[in-house]
C-alpha cells in the first residue's frame, strides 16, 4: 500500500479552510442581499452628490475671499 506523504495533510487542511471561507462568504452575500432588499434605497430620483446645488456661481468653500464691508464701499464711492 502507498503511504501518504506529509504534504497530503496540509493540502486537506487548506482545502477545508478554503471551503469554510467559501461558506462564510456565501452567508455574508445572503445577509447583504436581505439588507439591501429591506433598506429604503434611493427611489427619490435625486442624486445626493448634486442635491442642493443651484446654477450659477457657487460660494467659495474655503472662505478665502474677504467680505466687502459697507464702510469700504462708501470710501471708494466718495473718492
Foldseek 3Di string as FASTA:
>chain_A
DDDDDPVVVVVVVVVVVVVVVVVVVVVVVVVVVVVVVPDPDDPVPDDPVCPPDDPDDDDDPVPPDDDDDPVVVVVVVVD
